[in-house]
Amino acid sequence: MVNNQIGTSASLIRKTIMTLKPIALILILFLFVGCSVYTFNPKGKSTLESISIELFENTPAEYGLEDRMTEQVIDAFISDGSIKIVPGENAEALLLGKLIKYERKPYDPNELDQVESYAIYMTFEIRLVKTLDDTEIWTNNINQFGVYSIEEEVEEDGQQRAIEKLVDDIINKTIKSW
């Protein structure tokens, strides 16, 4: 009697495993499909192979921002590795940037209406043009901000946070071709 029960249990286990195999395969398939890269661009990324980045302009004349911006954009393209950074005459496209607005405003005052942090708001005009015929690939005015605590940080910390957001926007717009 015990042998018969063991045989029935083994048979039941085999049937359960055979039933679960297709379900497990479907779940694994969904896992791989769900974790894959997706994009709205049918090619998946930019068709550009090379870019030149001009020194950003700084019309509000906030000291040193043009150098920091340009350097960080170049570093981001190098880190990404999708598009080569080359001199202007050898590039397929030219990236131009200009800081057109800069503001420092109180941010999130405390319950006594005292300012504990400031936000640096920056507006950049960013253009990507083909070097062959100067046709515009895209142009955007990008507004970004960075917040810093007046007790623990300095204005440059807020600037840096805004610059990092801008760099992300430029990389996404240029490389990902959204």
C-alpha atoms as a PDB file:
ATOM      1  CA  MET A   1       0.000   0.000   0.000  1.00  0.00           C
ATOM      2  CA  VAL A   2       2.835   2.357   0.892  1.00  0.00           C
ATOM      3  CA  ASN A   3       4.612   1.561  -2.412  1.00  0.00           C
ATOM      4  CA  ASN A   4       1.445   2.376  -4.324  1.00  0.00           C
ATOM      5  CA  GLN A   5       1.149   5.756  -2.573  1.00  0.00           C
ATOM      6  CA  ILE A   6       4.796   6.582  -3.348  1.00  0.00           C
ATOM      7  CA  GLY A   7       4.252   5.655  -7.002  1.00  0.00           C
ATOM      8  CA  THR A   8       1.136   7.842  -7.130  1.00  0.00           C
ATOM      9  CA  SER A   9       2.996  10.752  -5.467  1.00  0.00           C
ATOM     10  CA  ALA A  10       5.920  10.460  -7.900  1.00  0.00           C
ATOM     11  CA  SER A  11       3.490  10.371 -10.802  1.00  0.00           C
ATOM     12  CA  LEU A  12       1.736  13.479  -9.467  1.00  0.00           C
ATOM     13  CA  ILE A  13       5.060  15.291  -9.062  1.00  0.00           C
ATOM     14  CA  ARG A  14       6.076  14.432 -12.659  1.00  0.00           C
ATOM     15  CA  LYS A  15       2.747  15.729 -13.990  1.00  0.00           C
ATOM     16  CA  THR A  16       3.112  18.946 -11.967  1.00  0.00           C
ATOM     17  CA  ILE A  17       6.651  19.521 -13.285  1.00  0.00           C
ATOM     18  CA  MET A  18       5.551  18.873 -16.869  1.00  0.00           C
ATOM     19  CA  THR A  19       2.710  21.377 -16.398  1.00  0.00           C
ATOM     20  CA  LEU A  20       4.987  24.026 -14.869  1.00  0.00           C
ATOM     21  CA  LYS A  21       7.756  23.816 -17.513  1.00  0.00           C
ATOM     22  CA  PRO A  22       5.884  25.841 -20.152  1.00  0.00           C
ATOM     23  CA  ILE A  23       4.842  28.401 -17.529  1.00  0.00           C
ATOM     24  CA  ALA A  24       8.440  28.744 -16.319  1.00  0.00           C
ATOM     25  CA  LEU A  25       9.669  29.212 -19.901  1.00  0.00           C
ATOM     26  CA  ILE A  26       7.070  31.917 -20.513  1.00  0.00           C
ATOM     27  CA  LEU A  27       8.079  33.722 -17.302  1.00  0.00           C
ATOM     28  CA  ILE A  28      11.750  33.595 -18.282  1.00  0.00           C
ATOM     29  CA  LEU A  29      10.871  34.939 -21.735  1.00  0.00           C
ATOM     30  CA  PHE A  30       8.948  37.845 -20.191  1.00  0.00           C
ATOM     31  CA  LEU A  31      11.881  38.564 -17.884  1.00  0.00           C
ATOM     32  CA  PHE A  32      14.308  38.892 -20.804  1.00  0.00           C
ATOM     33  CA  VAL A  33      11.916  40.930 -22.934  1.00  0.00           C
ATOM     34  CA  GLY A  34      10.939  43.191 -20.038  1.00  0.00           C
ATOM     35  CA  CYS A  35      14.548  43.954 -19.116  1.00  0.00           C
ATOM     36  CA  SER A  36      15.732  44.691 -22.642  1.00  0.00           C
ATOM     37  CA  VAL A  37      16.578  48.175 -23.925  1.00  0.00           C
ATOM     38  CA  TYR A  38      13.825  50.095 -25.622  1.00  0.00           C
ATOM     39  CA  THR A  39      13.747  53.326 -27.585  1.00  0.00           C
ATOM     40  CA  PHE A  40      11.410  55.393 -29.708  1.00  0.00           C
ATOM     41  CA  ASN A  41      14.086  55.647 -32.386  1.00  0.00           C
ATOM     42  CA  PRO A  42      13.938  52.661 -34.730  1.00  0.00           C
ATOM     43  CA  LYS A  43      17.728  52.679 -34.959  1.00  0.00           C
ATOM     44  CA  GLY A  44      18.102  52.838 -31.162  1.00  0.00           C
ATOM     45  CA  LYS A  45      20.644  55.635 -31.095  1.00  0.00           C
ATOM     46  CA  SER A  46      22.000  58.596 -33.002  1.00  0.00           C
ATOM     47  CA  THR A  47      23.415  58.095 -36.471  1.00  0.00           C
ATOM     48  CA  LEU A  48      26.227  60.567 -35.742  1.00  0.00           C
ATOM     49  CA  GLU A  49      29.706  59.151 -35.466  1.00  0.00           C
ATOM     50  CA  SER A  50      31.622  62.335 -34.588  1.00  0.00           C
ATOM     51  CA  ILE A  51      30.952  65.662 -32.941  1.00  0.00           C
ATOM     52  CA  SER A  52      32.831  68.826 -32.135  1.00  0.00           C
ATOM     53  CA  ILE A  53      31.911  70.867 -29.067  1.00  0.00           C
ATOM     54  CA  GLU A  54      32.533  74.601 -29.101  1.00  0.00           C
ATOM     55  CA  LEU A  55      33.283  76.553 -25.932  1.00  0.00           C
ATOM     56  CA  PHE A  56      29.905  77.467 -24.462  1.00  0.00           C
ATOM     57  CA  GLU A  57      28.996  81.150 -24.401  1.00  0.00           C
ATOM     58  CA  ASN A  58      28.068  82.898 -21.176  1.00  0.00           C
ATOM     59  CA  THR A  59      25.940  85.992 -21.814  1.00  0.00           C
ATOM     60  CA  PRO A  60      25.076  86.708 -18.137  1.00  0.00           C
ATOM     61  CA  ALA A  61      28.857  86.658 -17.521  1.00  0.00           C
ATOM     62  CA  GLU A  62      28.819  84.281 -14.558  1.00  0.00           C
ATOM     63  CA  TYR A  63      32.538  83.754 -14.128  1.00  0.00           C
ATOM     64  CA  GLY A  64      33.895  80.380 -15.241  1.00  0.00           C
ATOM     65  CA  LEU A  65      30.599  78.700 -16.118  1.00  0.00           C
ATOM     66  CA  GLU A  66      31.368  78.460 -19.831  1.00  0.00           C
ATOM     67  CA  ASP A  67      34.575  76.481 -19.186  1.00  0.00           C
ATOM     68  CA  ARG A  68      32.933  74.140 -16.662  1.00  0.00           C
ATOM     69  CA  MET A  69      29.944  73.513 -18.924  1.00  0.00           C
ATOM     70  CA  THR A  70      32.058  72.778 -21.981  1.00  0.00           C
ATOM     71  CA  GLU A  71      34.427  70.509 -20.073  1.00  0.00           C
ATOM     72  CA  GLN A  72      31.637  68.476 -18.489  1.00  0.00           C
ATOM     73  CA  VAL A  73      29.766  68.029 -21.774  1.00  0.00           C
ATOM     74  CA  ILE A  74      32.967  66.813 -23.452  1.00  0.00           C
ATOM     75  CA  ASP A  75      33.681  64.455 -20.540  1.00  0.00           C
ATOM     76  CA  ALA A  76      30.144  63.035 -20.763  1.00  0.00           C
ATOM     77  CA  PHE A  77      30.490  62.296 -24.490  1.00  0.00           C
ATOM     78  CA  ILE A  78      33.869  60.658 -23.901  1.00  0.00           C
ATOM     79  CA  SER A  79      32.465  58.556 -21.044  1.00  0.00           C
ATOM     80  CA  ASP A  80      29.502  57.456 -23.142  1.00  0.00           C
ATOM     81  CA  GLY A  81      31.732  56.510 -26.078  1.00  0.00           C
ATOM     82  CA  SER A  82      28.917  56.434 -28.663  1.00  0.00           C
ATOM     83  CA  ILE A  83      30.125  59.487 -30.571  1.00  0.00           C
ATOM     84  CA  LYS A  84      33.761  60.514 -31.059  1.00  0.00           C
ATOM     85  CA  ILE A  85      34.874  64.009 -30.047  1.00  0.00           C
ATOM     86  CA  VAL A  86      36.938  65.496 -32.891  1.00  0.00           C
ATOM     87  CA  PRO A  87      38.069  68.958 -34.061  1.00  0.00           C
ATOM     88  CA  GLY A  88      35.407  71.012 -35.848  1.00  0.00           C
ATOM     89  CA  GLU A  89      36.626  70.492 -39.403  1.00  0.00           C
ATOM     90  CA  ASN A  90      36.553  66.691 -38.992  1.00  0.00           C
ATOM     91  CA  ALA A  91      33.194  66.421 -37.208  1.00  0.00           C
ATOM     92  CA  GLU A  92      29.825  65.476 -38.650  1.00  0.00           C
ATOM     93  CA  ALA A  93      28.086  67.844 -36.225  1.00  0.00           C
ATOM     94  CA  LEU A  94      28.881  70.846 -34.074  1.00  0.00           C
ATOM     95  CA  LEU A  95      27.374  71.338 -30.615  1.00  0.00           C
ATOM     96  CA  LEU A  96      26.895  74.962 -29.597  1.00  0.00           C
ATOM     97  CA  GLY A  97      25.725  76.137 -26.193  1.00  0.00           C
ATOM     98  CA  LYS A  98      24.945  79.466 -24.621  1.00  0.00           C
ATOM     99  CA  LEU A  99      23.945  80.347 -21.078  1.00  0.00           C
ATOM    100  CA  ILE A 100      21.230  82.940 -21.649  1.00  0.00           C
ATOM    101  CA  LYS A 101      19.759  83.350 -18.155  1.00  0.00           C
ATOM    102  CA  TYR A 102      21.101  82.916 -14.618  1.00  0.00           C
ATOM    103  CA  GLU A 103      19.152  83.481 -11.394  1.00  0.00           C
ATOM    104  CA  ARG A 104      19.727  82.745  -7.730  1.00  0.00           C
ATOM    105  CA  LYS A 105      16.482  82.538  -5.753  1.00  0.00           C
ATOM    106  CA  PRO A 106      15.502  81.501  -2.222  1.00  0.00           C
ATOM    107  CA  TYR A 107      14.312  77.911  -2.133  1.00  0.00           C
ATOM    108  CA  ASP A 108      12.116  76.196   0.438  1.00  0.00           C
ATOM    109  CA  PRO A 109      12.118  78.651   3.387  1.00  0.00           C
ATOM    110  CA  ASN A 110      11.668  77.163   6.879  1.00  0.00           C
ATOM    111  CA  GLU A 111       8.662  77.641   9.208  1.00  0.00           C
ATOM    112  CA  LEU A 112      10.045  81.025  10.338  1.00  0.00           C
ATOM    113  CA  ASP A 113      10.220  82.118   6.685  1.00  0.00           C
ATOM    114  CA  GLN A 114      14.015  82.097   6.797  1.00  0.00           C
ATOM    115  CA  VAL A 115      15.967  81.032   3.765  1.00  0.00           C
ATOM    116  CA  GLU A 116      17.996  77.878   4.345  1.00  0.00           C
ATOM    117  CA  SER A 117      18.716  77.036   0.738  1.00  0.00           C
ATOM    118  CA  TYR A 118      18.941  78.698  -2.634  1.00  0.00           C
ATOM    119  CA  ALA A 119      18.256  77.452  -6.125  1.00  0.00           C
ATOM    120  CA  ILE A 120      20.393  78.375  -9.088  1.00  0.00           C
ATOM    121  CA  TYR A 121      18.237  78.582 -12.209  1.00  0.00           C
ATOM    122  CA  MET A 122      19.990  78.500 -15.563  1.00  0.00           C
ATOM    123  CA  THR A 123      18.588  78.633 -19.076  1.00  0.00           C
ATOM    124  CA  PHE A 124      20.755  77.342 -21.887  1.00  0.00           C
ATOM    125  CA  GLU A 125      20.271  77.559 -25.621  1.00  0.00           C
ATOM    126  CA  ILE A 126      21.729  74.388 -27.114  1.00  0.00           C
ATOM    127  CA  ARG A 127      22.106  73.768 -30.855  1.00  0.00           C
ATOM    128  CA  LEU A 128      23.384  70.811 -32.828  1.00  0.00           C
ATOM    129  CA  VAL A 129      24.190  71.573 -36.476  1.00  0.00           C
ATOM    130  CA  LYS A 130      25.632  69.555 -39.355  1.00  0.00           C
ATOM    131  CA  THR A 131      29.100  70.814 -40.229  1.00  0.00           C
ATOM    132  CA  LEU A 132      28.725  69.906 -43.905  1.00  0.00           C
ATOM    133  CA  ASP A 133      25.938  72.367 -44.709  1.00  0.00           C
ATOM    134  CA  ASP A 134      25.173  74.162 -41.399  1.00  0.00           C
ATOM    135  CA  THR A 135      21.673  72.699 -41.256  1.00  0.00           C
ATOM    136  CA  GLU A 136      20.186  72.454 -37.824  1.00  0.00           C
ATOM    137  CA  ILE A 137      19.733  68.968 -36.381  1.00  0.00           C
ATOM    138  CA  TRP A 138      18.025  70.257 -33.240  1.00  0.00           C
ATOM    139  CA  THR A 139      17.757  73.342 -31.034  1.00  0.00           C
ATOM    140  CA  ASN A 140      16.470  73.496 -27.473  1.00  0.00           C
ATOM    141  CA  ASN A 141      16.241  76.032 -24.707  1.00  0.00           C
ATOM    142  CA  ILE A 142      16.859  73.988 -21.599  1.00  0.00           C
ATOM    143  CA  ASN A 143      15.983  75.246 -18.134  1.00  0.00           C
ATOM    144  CA  GLN A 144      17.752  73.586 -15.235  1.00  0.00           C
ATOM    145  CA  PHE A 145      18.231  74.285 -11.568  1.00  0.00           C
ATOM    146  CA  GLY A 146      20.405  73.144  -8.719  1.00  0.00           C
ATOM    147  CA  VAL A 147      19.723  73.641  -5.013  1.00  0.00           C
ATOM    148  CA  TYR A 148      22.312  74.208  -2.294  1.00  0.00           C
ATOM    149  CA  SER A 149      22.122  74.696   1.457  1.00  0.00           C
ATOM    150  CA  ILE A 150      23.529  78.027   2.643  1.00  0.00           C
ATOM    151  CA  GLU A 151      24.785  76.485   5.893  1.00  0.00           C
ATOM    152  CA  GLU A 152      26.786  73.649   4.351  1.00  0.00           C
ATOM    153  CA  GLU A 153      27.466  74.561   0.725  1.00  0.00           C
ATOM    154  CA  VAL A 154      28.326  77.374  -1.659  1.00  0.00           C
ATOM    155  CA  GLU A 155      26.708  78.684  -4.835  1.00  0.00           C
ATOM    156  CA  GLU A 156      29.036  76.590  -7.023  1.00  0.00           C
ATOM    157  CA  ASP A 157      27.407  73.445  -5.575  1.00  0.00           C
ATOM    158  CA  GLY A 158      24.030  74.584  -6.906  1.00  0.00           C
ATOM    159  CA  GLN A 159      25.620  75.462 -10.236  1.00  0.00           C
ATOM    160  CA  GLN A 160      27.187  72.017 -10.444  1.00  0.00           C
ATOM    161  CA  ARG A 161      23.852  70.284  -9.858  1.00  0.00           C
ATOM    162  CA  ALA A 162      22.220  72.346 -12.612  1.00  0.00           C
ATOM    163  CA  ILE A 163      25.120  71.628 -14.986  1.00  0.00           C
ATOM    164  CA  GLU A 164      24.858  67.871 -14.348  1.00  0.00           C
ATOM    165  CA  LYS A 165      21.172  67.954 -15.315  1.00  0.00           C
ATOM    166  CA  LEU A 166      21.946  69.938 -18.451  1.00  0.00           C
ATOM    167  CA  VAL A 167      24.679  67.490 -19.467  1.00  0.00           C
ATOM    168  CA  ASP A 168      22.234  64.585 -19.064  1.00  0.00           C
ATOM    169  CA  ASP A 169      19.703  66.401 -21.267  1.00  0.00           C
ATOM    170  CA  ILE A 170      22.290  67.068 -23.983  1.00  0.00           C
ATOM    171  CA  ILE A 171      23.553  63.485 -23.974  1.00  0.00           C
ATOM    172  CA  ASN A 172      20.018  62.086 -24.142  1.00  0.00           C
ATOM    173  CA  LYS A 173      18.985  64.460 -26.916  1.00  0.00           C
ATOM    174  CA  THR A 174      22.102  63.856 -29.008  1.00  0.00           C
ATOM    175  CA  ILE A 175      22.922  60.192 -28.475  1.00  0.00           C
ATOM    176  CA  LYS A 176      19.560  58.676 -27.725  1.00  0.00           C
ATOM    177  CA  SER A 177      17.780  60.739 -30.410  1.00  0.00           C
ATOM    178  CA  TRP A 178      14.540  61.033 -28.479  1.00  0.00           C
END
